[in-house]
């Protein structure tokens, strides 16, 4: 199981995916990091389509809008 996680981590890095934060394994990824990584992977699959945002939008609790949180450190 650990070997497959190592393969996935090295494949992400070799694909040019920026991994925000200081993670040594996929089990440590935060929700924000997963959103960013998934968006980057989708953009790699079809770069000619509309770009997926690699930010997580946080909706305000009173519904007055949203504020993007940048995941690129």
PDB file of N, CA and C in Angstrom:
ATOM      1  N   UNK A   1       0.827  -1.190   0.000  1.00  0.00           N
ATOM      2  CA  UNK A   1       0.000   0.000   0.000  1.00  0.00           C
ATOM      3  C   UNK A   1       0.876   1.261   0.000  1.00  0.00           C
ATOM      4  N   UNK A   2       1.907   1.261   0.798  1.00  0.00           N
ATOM      5  CA  UNK A   2       2.800   2.421   0.866  1.00  0.00           C
ATOM      6  C   UNK A   2       3.508   2.646  -0.463  1.00  0.00           C
ATOM      7  N   UNK A   3       3.841   1.558  -1.147  1.00  0.00           N
ATOM      8  CA  UNK A   3       4.518   1.676  -2.438  1.00  0.00           C
ATOM      9  C   UNK A   3       3.618   2.371  -3.463  1.00  0.00           C
ATOM     10  N   UNK A   4       2.329   2.050  -3.455  1.00  0.00           N
ATOM     11  CA  UNK A   4       1.415   2.687  -4.405  1.00  0.00           C
ATOM     12  C   UNK A   4       1.268   4.176  -4.106  1.00  0.00           C
ATOM     13  N   UNK A   5       1.291   4.544  -2.843  1.00  0.00           N
ATOM     14  CA  UNK A   5       1.230   5.965  -2.471  1.00  0.00           C
ATOM     15  C   UNK A   5       2.480   6.697  -2.942  1.00  0.00           C
ATOM     16  N   UNK A   6       3.632   6.053  -2.815  1.00  0.00           N
ATOM     17  CA  UNK A   6       4.885   6.650  -3.289  1.00  0.00           C
ATOM     18  C   UNK A   6       4.857   6.840  -4.805  1.00  0.00           C
ATOM     19  N   UNK A   7       4.311   5.849  -5.517  1.00  0.00           N
ATOM     20  CA  UNK A   7       4.209   5.936  -6.973  1.00  0.00           C
ATOM     21  C   UNK A   7       3.288   7.089  -7.365  1.00  0.00           C
ATOM     22  N   UNK A   8       2.149   7.213  -6.679  1.00  0.00           N
ATOM     23  CA  UNK A   8       1.213   8.292  -6.980  1.00  0.00           C
ATOM     24  C   UNK A   8       1.853   9.651  -6.722  1.00  0.00           C
ATOM     25  N   UNK A   9       2.532   9.798  -5.602  1.00  0.00           N
ATOM     26  CA  UNK A   9       3.169  11.072  -5.261  1.00  0.00           C
ATOM     27  C   UNK A   9       4.229  11.444  -6.299  1.00  0.00           C
ATOM     28  N   UNK A  10       5.071  10.492  -6.689  1.00  0.00           N
ATOM     29  CA  UNK A  10       6.114  10.794  -7.671  1.00  0.00           C
ATOM     30  C   UNK A  10       5.509  11.068  -9.050  1.00  0.00           C
ATOM     31  N   UNK A  11       4.418  10.395  -9.398  1.00  0.00           N
ATOM     32  CA  UNK A  11       3.753  10.635 -10.677  1.00  0.00           C
ATOM     33  C   UNK A  11       3.163  12.039 -10.734  1.00  0.00           C
ATOM     34  N   UNK A  12       2.561  12.479  -9.639  1.00  0.00           N
ATOM     35  CA  UNK A  12       2.029  13.841  -9.589  1.00  0.00           C
ATOM     36  C   UNK A  12       3.138  14.865  -9.818  1.00  0.00           C
ATOM     37  N   UNK A  13       4.242  14.688  -9.131  1.00  0.00           N
ATOM     38  CA  UNK A  13       5.362  15.621  -9.242  1.00  0.00           C
ATOM     39  C   UNK A  13       5.949  15.594 -10.648  1.00  0.00           C
ATOM     40  N   UNK A  14       6.134  14.404 -11.209  1.00  0.00           N
ATOM     41  CA  UNK A  14       6.699  14.272 -12.556  1.00  0.00           C
ATOM     42  C   UNK A  14       5.763  14.846 -13.627  1.00  0.00           C
ATOM     43  N   UNK A  15       4.468  14.892 -13.337  1.00  0.00           N
ATOM     44  CA  UNK A  15       3.493  15.444 -14.285  1.00  0.00           C
ATOM     45  C   UNK A  15       3.472  16.965 -14.252  1.00  0.00           C
ATOM     46  N   UNK A  16       4.197  17.540 -13.324  1.00  0.00           N
ATOM     47  CA  UNK A  16       4.235  18.997 -13.218  1.00  0.00           C
ATOM     48  C   UNK A  16       3.161  19.573 -12.329  1.00  0.00           C
ATOM     49  N   UNK A  17       2.517  18.723 -11.545  1.00  0.00           N
ATOM     50  CA  UNK A  17       1.476  19.188 -10.629  1.00  0.00           C
ATOM     51  C   UNK A  17       2.143  19.821  -9.413  1.00  0.00           C
ATOM     52  N   UNK A  18       1.742  21.064  -9.111  1.00  0.00           N
ATOM     53  CA  UNK A  18       2.247  21.744  -7.925  1.00  0.00           C
ATOM     54  C   UNK A  18       1.453  21.243  -6.733  1.00  0.00           C
ATOM     55  N   UNK A  19       2.145  20.773  -5.723  1.00  0.00           N
ATOM     56  CA  UNK A  19       1.486  20.277  -4.512  1.00  0.00           C
ATOM     57  C   UNK A  19       1.621  21.359  -3.444  1.00  0.00           C
ATOM     58  N   UNK A  20       0.523  22.082  -3.187  1.00  0.00           N
ATOM     59  CA  UNK A  20       0.586  23.163  -2.218  1.00  0.00           C
ATOM     60  C   UNK A  20       0.756  22.626  -0.793  1.00  0.00           C
ATOM     61  N   UNK A  21       1.638  23.218  -0.055  1.00  0.00           N
ATOM     62  CA  UNK A  21       1.886  22.777   1.316  1.00  0.00           C
ATOM     63  C   UNK A  21       3.090  21.877   1.388  1.00  0.00           C
ATOM     64  N   UNK A  22       3.346  21.398   2.568  1.00  0.00           N
ATOM     65  CA  UNK A  22       4.502  20.545   2.819  1.00  0.00           C
ATOM     66  C   UNK A  22       4.018  19.150   3.205  1.00  0.00           C
ATOM     67  N   UNK A  23       3.703  18.356   2.176  1.00  0.00           N
ATOM     68  CA  UNK A  23       3.166  17.019   2.401  1.00  0.00           C
ATOM     69  C   UNK A  23       4.177  15.981   1.935  1.00  0.00           C
ATOM     70  N   UNK A  24       4.321  14.936   2.701  1.00  0.00           N
ATOM     71  CA  UNK A  24       5.227  13.868   2.301  1.00  0.00           C
ATOM     72  C   UNK A  24       4.477  12.636   1.804  1.00  0.00           C
ATOM     73  N   UNK A  25       3.155  12.610   2.011  1.00  0.00           N
ATOM     74  CA  UNK A  25       2.357  11.495   1.501  1.00  0.00           C
ATOM     75  C   UNK A  25       0.950  11.983   1.181  1.00  0.00           C
ATOM     76  N   UNK A  26       0.235  11.218   0.372  1.00  0.00           N
ATOM     77  CA  UNK A  26      -1.112  11.628  -0.031  1.00  0.00           C
ATOM     78  C   UNK A  26      -2.085  11.600   1.144  1.00  0.00           C
ATOM     79  N   UNK A  27      -1.796  10.819   2.155  1.00  0.00           N
ATOM     80  CA  UNK A  27      -2.664  10.759   3.325  1.00  0.00           C
ATOM     81  C   UNK A  27      -2.677  12.039   4.125  1.00  0.00           C
ATOM     82  N   UNK A  28      -1.706  12.909   3.893  1.00  0.00           N
ATOM     83  CA  UNK A  28      -1.605  14.169   4.625  1.00  0.00           C
ATOM     84  C   UNK A  28      -2.263  15.336   3.896  1.00  0.00           C
ATOM     85  N   UNK A  29      -2.739  15.125   2.655  1.00  0.00           N
ATOM     86  CA  UNK A  29      -3.310  16.226   1.878  1.00  0.00           C
ATOM     87  C   UNK A  29      -4.517  16.826   2.593  1.00  0.00           C
ATOM     88  N   UNK A  30      -4.585  18.151   2.600  1.00  0.00           N
ATOM     89  CA  UNK A  30      -5.759  18.842   3.124  1.00  0.00           C
ATOM     90  C   UNK A  30      -6.816  18.898   2.024  1.00  0.00           C
ATOM     91  N   UNK A  31      -8.016  19.304   2.378  1.00  0.00           N
ATOM     92  CA  UNK A  31      -9.084  19.450   1.387  1.00  0.00           C
ATOM     93  C   UNK A  31      -8.696  20.466   0.329  1.00  0.00           C
ATOM     94  N   UNK A  32      -8.078  21.558   0.753  1.00  0.00           N
ATOM     95  CA  UNK A  32      -7.664  22.602  -0.182  1.00  0.00           C
ATOM     96  C   UNK A  32      -6.622  22.079  -1.160  1.00  0.00           C
ATOM     97  N   UNK A  33      -5.687  21.290  -0.660  1.00  0.00           N
ATOM     98  CA  UNK A  33      -4.650  20.722  -1.525  1.00  0.00           C
ATOM     99  C   UNK A  33      -5.267  19.770  -2.545  1.00  0.00           C
ATOM    100  N   UNK A  34      -6.229  18.955  -2.118  1.00  0.00           N
ATOM    101  CA  UNK A  34      -6.884  18.022  -3.036  1.00  0.00           C
ATOM    102  C   UNK A  34      -7.641  18.756  -4.141  1.00  0.00           C
ATOM    103  N   UNK A  35      -8.318  19.857  -3.806  1.00  0.00           N
ATOM    104  CA  UNK A  35      -9.026  20.644  -4.820  1.00  0.00           C
ATOM    105  C   UNK A  35      -8.039  21.169  -5.844  1.00  0.00           C
ATOM    106  N   UNK A  36      -6.935  21.721  -5.371  1.00  0.00           N
ATOM    107  CA  UNK A  36      -5.929  22.273  -6.271  1.00  0.00           C
ATOM    108  C   UNK A  36      -5.323  21.191  -7.159  1.00  0.00           C
ATOM    109  N   UNK A  37      -4.976  20.057  -6.579  1.00  0.00           N
ATOM    110  CA  UNK A  37      -4.357  18.958  -7.329  1.00  0.00           C
ATOM    111  C   UNK A  37      -5.327  18.418  -8.380  1.00  0.00           C
ATOM    112  N   UNK A  38      -6.584  18.210  -8.001  1.00  0.00           N
ATOM    113  CA  UNK A  38      -7.578  17.702  -8.950  1.00  0.00           C
ATOM    114  C   UNK A  38      -7.796  18.676 -10.106  1.00  0.00           C
ATOM    115  N   UNK A  39      -7.868  19.968  -9.810  1.00  0.00           N
ATOM    116  CA  UNK A  39      -8.046  20.969 -10.866  1.00  0.00           C
ATOM    117  C   UNK A  39      -6.857  20.969 -11.812  1.00  0.00           C
ATOM    118  N   UNK A  40      -5.647  20.874 -11.267  1.00  0.00           N
ATOM    119  CA  UNK A  40      -4.461  20.837 -12.114  1.00  0.00           C
ATOM    120  C   UNK A  40      -4.455  19.601 -13.006  1.00  0.00           C
ATOM    121  N   UNK A  41      -4.868  18.458 -12.458  1.00  0.00           N
ATOM    122  CA  UNK A  41      -4.913  17.227 -13.249  1.00  0.00           C
ATOM    123  C   UNK A  41      -5.948  17.321 -14.361  1.00  0.00           C
ATOM    124  N   UNK A  42      -7.116  17.890 -14.064  1.00  0.00           N
ATOM    125  CA  UNK A  42      -8.141  18.069 -15.099  1.00  0.00           C
ATOM    126  C   UNK A  42      -7.645  18.996 -16.197  1.00  0.00           C
ATOM    127  N   UNK A  43      -6.916  20.039 -15.827  1.00  0.00           N
ATOM    128  CA  UNK A  43      -6.358  20.944 -16.830  1.00  0.00           C
ATOM    129  C   UNK A  43      -5.283  20.258 -17.666  1.00  0.00           C
ATOM    130  N   UNK A  44      -4.558  19.298 -17.095  1.00  0.00           N
ATOM    131  CA  UNK A  44      -3.568  18.546 -17.863  1.00  0.00           C
ATOM    132  C   UNK A  44      -4.229  17.609 -18.867  1.00  0.00           C
ATOM    133  N   UNK A  45      -5.371  17.049 -18.512  1.00  0.00           N
ATOM    134  CA  UNK A  45      -6.076  16.115 -19.390  1.00  0.00           C
ATOM    135  C   UNK A  45      -6.544  16.824 -20.650  1.00  0.00           C
ATOM    136  N   UNK A  46      -7.123  18.012 -20.499  1.00  0.00           N
ATOM    137  CA  UNK A  46      -7.625  18.748 -21.661  1.00  0.00           C
ATOM    138  C   UNK A  46      -7.328  20.231 -21.499  1.00  0.00           C
ATOM    139  N   UNK A  47      -6.116  20.641 -21.834  1.00  0.00           N
ATOM    140  CA  UNK A  47      -5.741  22.051 -21.649  1.00  0.00           C
ATOM    141  C   UNK A  47      -6.483  23.017 -22.573  1.00  0.00           C
ATOM    142  N   UNK A  48      -7.117  22.505 -23.636  1.00  0.00           N
ATOM    143  CA  UNK A  48      -7.817  23.394 -24.560  1.00  0.00           C
ATOM    144  C   UNK A  48      -9.219  23.762 -24.070  1.00  0.00           C
ATOM    145  N   UNK A  49      -9.728  23.035 -23.089  1.00  0.00           N
ATOM    146  CA  UNK A  49     -11.060  23.338 -22.573  1.00  0.00           C
ATOM    147  C   UNK A  49     -10.972  24.483 -21.570  1.00  0.00           C
ATOM    148  N   UNK A  50     -12.109  24.875 -21.062  1.00  0.00           N
ATOM    149  CA  UNK A  50     -12.133  25.932 -20.042  1.00  0.00           C
ATOM    150  C   UNK A  50     -11.299  25.492 -18.852  1.00  0.00           C
ATOM    151  N   UNK A  51     -10.533  26.398 -18.346  1.00  0.00           N
ATOM    152  CA  UNK A  51      -9.626  26.090 -17.246  1.00  0.00           C
ATOM    153  C   UNK A  51     -10.391  25.902 -15.946  1.00  0.00           C
ATOM    154  N   UNK A  52     -10.027  24.865 -15.214  1.00  0.00           N
ATOM    155  CA  UNK A  52     -10.595  24.649 -13.896  1.00  0.00           C
ATOM    156  C   UNK A  52      -9.843  25.503 -12.890  1.00  0.00           C
ATOM    157  N   UNK A  53     -10.564  26.171 -12.035  1.00  0.00           N
ATOM    158  CA  UNK A  53      -9.966  27.034 -11.020  1.00  0.00           C
ATOM    159  C   UNK A  53      -9.298  26.168  -9.957  1.00  0.00           C
ATOM    160  N   UNK A  54      -8.072  26.530  -9.588  1.00  0.00           N
ATOM    161  CA  UNK A  54      -7.395  25.757  -8.550  1.00  0.00           C
ATOM    162  C   UNK A  54      -7.475  26.466  -7.204  1.00  0.00           C
ATOM    163  N   UNK A  55      -8.611  27.140  -6.996  1.00  0.00           N
ATOM    164  CA  UNK A  55      -8.886  27.785  -5.721  1.00  0.00           C
ATOM    165  C   UNK A  55     -10.180  27.219  -5.156  1.00  0.00           C
ATOM    166  N   UNK A  56     -10.259  27.191  -3.862  1.00  0.00           N
ATOM    167  CA  UNK A  56     -11.457  26.740  -3.183  1.00  0.00           C
ATOM    168  C   UNK A  56     -12.246  27.977  -2.774  1.00  0.00           C
ATOM    169  N   UNK A  57     -13.486  28.091  -3.253  1.00  0.00           N
ATOM    170  CA  UNK A  57     -14.304  29.235  -2.890  1.00  0.00           C
ATOM    171  C   UNK A  57     -15.036  28.933  -1.589  1.00  0.00           C
ATOM    172  N   UNK A  58     -14.890  29.829  -0.650  1.00  0.00           N
ATOM    173  CA  UNK A  58     -15.546  29.681   0.646  1.00  0.00           C
ATOM    174  C   UNK A  58     -16.759  30.600   0.670  1.00  0.00           C
ATOM    175  N   UNK A  59     -17.939  30.026   0.832  1.00  0.00           N
ATOM    176  CA  UNK A  59     -19.148  30.830   0.900  1.00  0.00           C
ATOM    177  C   UNK A  59     -19.295  31.412   2.300  1.00  0.00           C
ATOM    178  N   UNK A  60     -19.707  32.669   2.345  1.00  0.00           N
ATOM    179  CA  UNK A  60     -19.887  33.299   3.643  1.00  0.00           C
ATOM    180  C   UNK A  60     -21.101  32.690   4.328  1.00  0.00           C
ATOM    181  N   UNK A  61     -21.093  32.624   5.653  1.00  0.00           N
ATOM    182  CA  UNK A  61     -22.204  31.987   6.359  1.00  0.00           C
ATOM    183  C   UNK A  61     -23.525  32.731   6.209  1.00  0.00           C
ATOM    184  N   UNK A  62     -23.480  34.017   5.867  1.00  0.00           N
ATOM    185  CA  UNK A  62     -24.736  34.757   5.725  1.00  0.00           C
ATOM    186  C   UNK A  62     -25.126  34.931   4.263  1.00  0.00           C
ATOM    187  N   UNK A  63     -24.418  34.261   3.374  1.00  0.00           N
ATOM    188  CA  UNK A  63     -24.791  34.233   1.972  1.00  0.00           C
ATOM    189  C   UNK A  63     -24.551  35.519   1.209  1.00  0.00           C
ATOM    190  N   UNK A  64     -23.588  36.306   1.617  1.00  0.00           N
ATOM    191  CA  UNK A  64     -23.319  37.566   0.936  1.00  0.00           C
ATOM    192  C   UNK A  64     -22.289  37.443  -0.168  1.00  0.00           C
ATOM    193  N   UNK A  65     -21.899  36.257  -0.474  1.00  0.00           N
ATOM    194  CA  UNK A  65     -20.922  36.076  -1.537  1.00  0.00           C
ATOM    195  C   UNK A  65     -19.872  35.062  -1.154  1.00  0.00           C
ATOM    196  N   UNK A  66     -18.820  35.058  -1.926  1.00  0.00           N
ATOM    197  CA  UNK A  66     -17.759  34.111  -1.660  1.00  0.00           C
ATOM    198  C   UNK A  66     -16.423  34.818  -1.757  1.00  0.00           C
ATOM    199  N   UNK A  67     -15.449  34.235  -1.139  1.00  0.00           N
ATOM    200  CA  UNK A  67     -14.102  34.795  -1.173  1.00  0.00           C
ATOM    201  C   UNK A  67     -13.149  33.690  -1.582  1.00  0.00           C
ATOM    202  N   UNK A  68     -12.380  33.894  -2.682  1.00  0.00           N
ATOM    203  CA  UNK A  68     -11.440  32.849  -3.090  1.00  0.00           C
ATOM    204  C   UNK A  68     -10.272  32.786  -2.128  1.00  0.00           C
ATOM    205  N   UNK A  69      -9.832  31.588  -1.876  1.00  0.00           N
ATOM    206  CA  UNK A  69      -8.645  31.378  -1.060  1.00  0.00           C
ATOM    207  C   UNK A  69      -7.605  30.788  -1.984  1.00  0.00           C
ATOM    208  N   UNK A  70      -6.523  31.493  -2.183  1.00  0.00           N
ATOM    209  CA  UNK A  70      -5.486  31.035  -3.090  1.00  0.00           C
ATOM    210  C   UNK A  70      -4.779  29.842  -2.473  1.00  0.00           C
ATOM    211  N   UNK A  71      -4.559  28.812  -3.292  1.00  0.00           N
ATOM    212  CA  UNK A  71      -3.897  27.616  -2.804  1.00  0.00           C
ATOM    213  C   UNK A  71      -2.438  27.572  -3.217  1.00  0.00           C
ATOM    214  N   UNK A  72      -2.015  28.500  -4.004  1.00  0.00           N
ATOM    215  CA  UNK A  72      -0.620  28.556  -4.406  1.00  0.00           C
ATOM    216  C   UNK A  72       0.133  29.344  -3.341  1.00  0.00           C
ATOM    217  N   UNK A  73       1.059  28.675  -2.696  1.00  0.00           N
ATOM    218  CA  UNK A  73       1.783  29.336  -1.601  1.00  0.00           C
ATOM    219  C   UNK A  73       2.990  30.057  -2.072  1.00  0.00           C
TER     220      UNK A  73
END
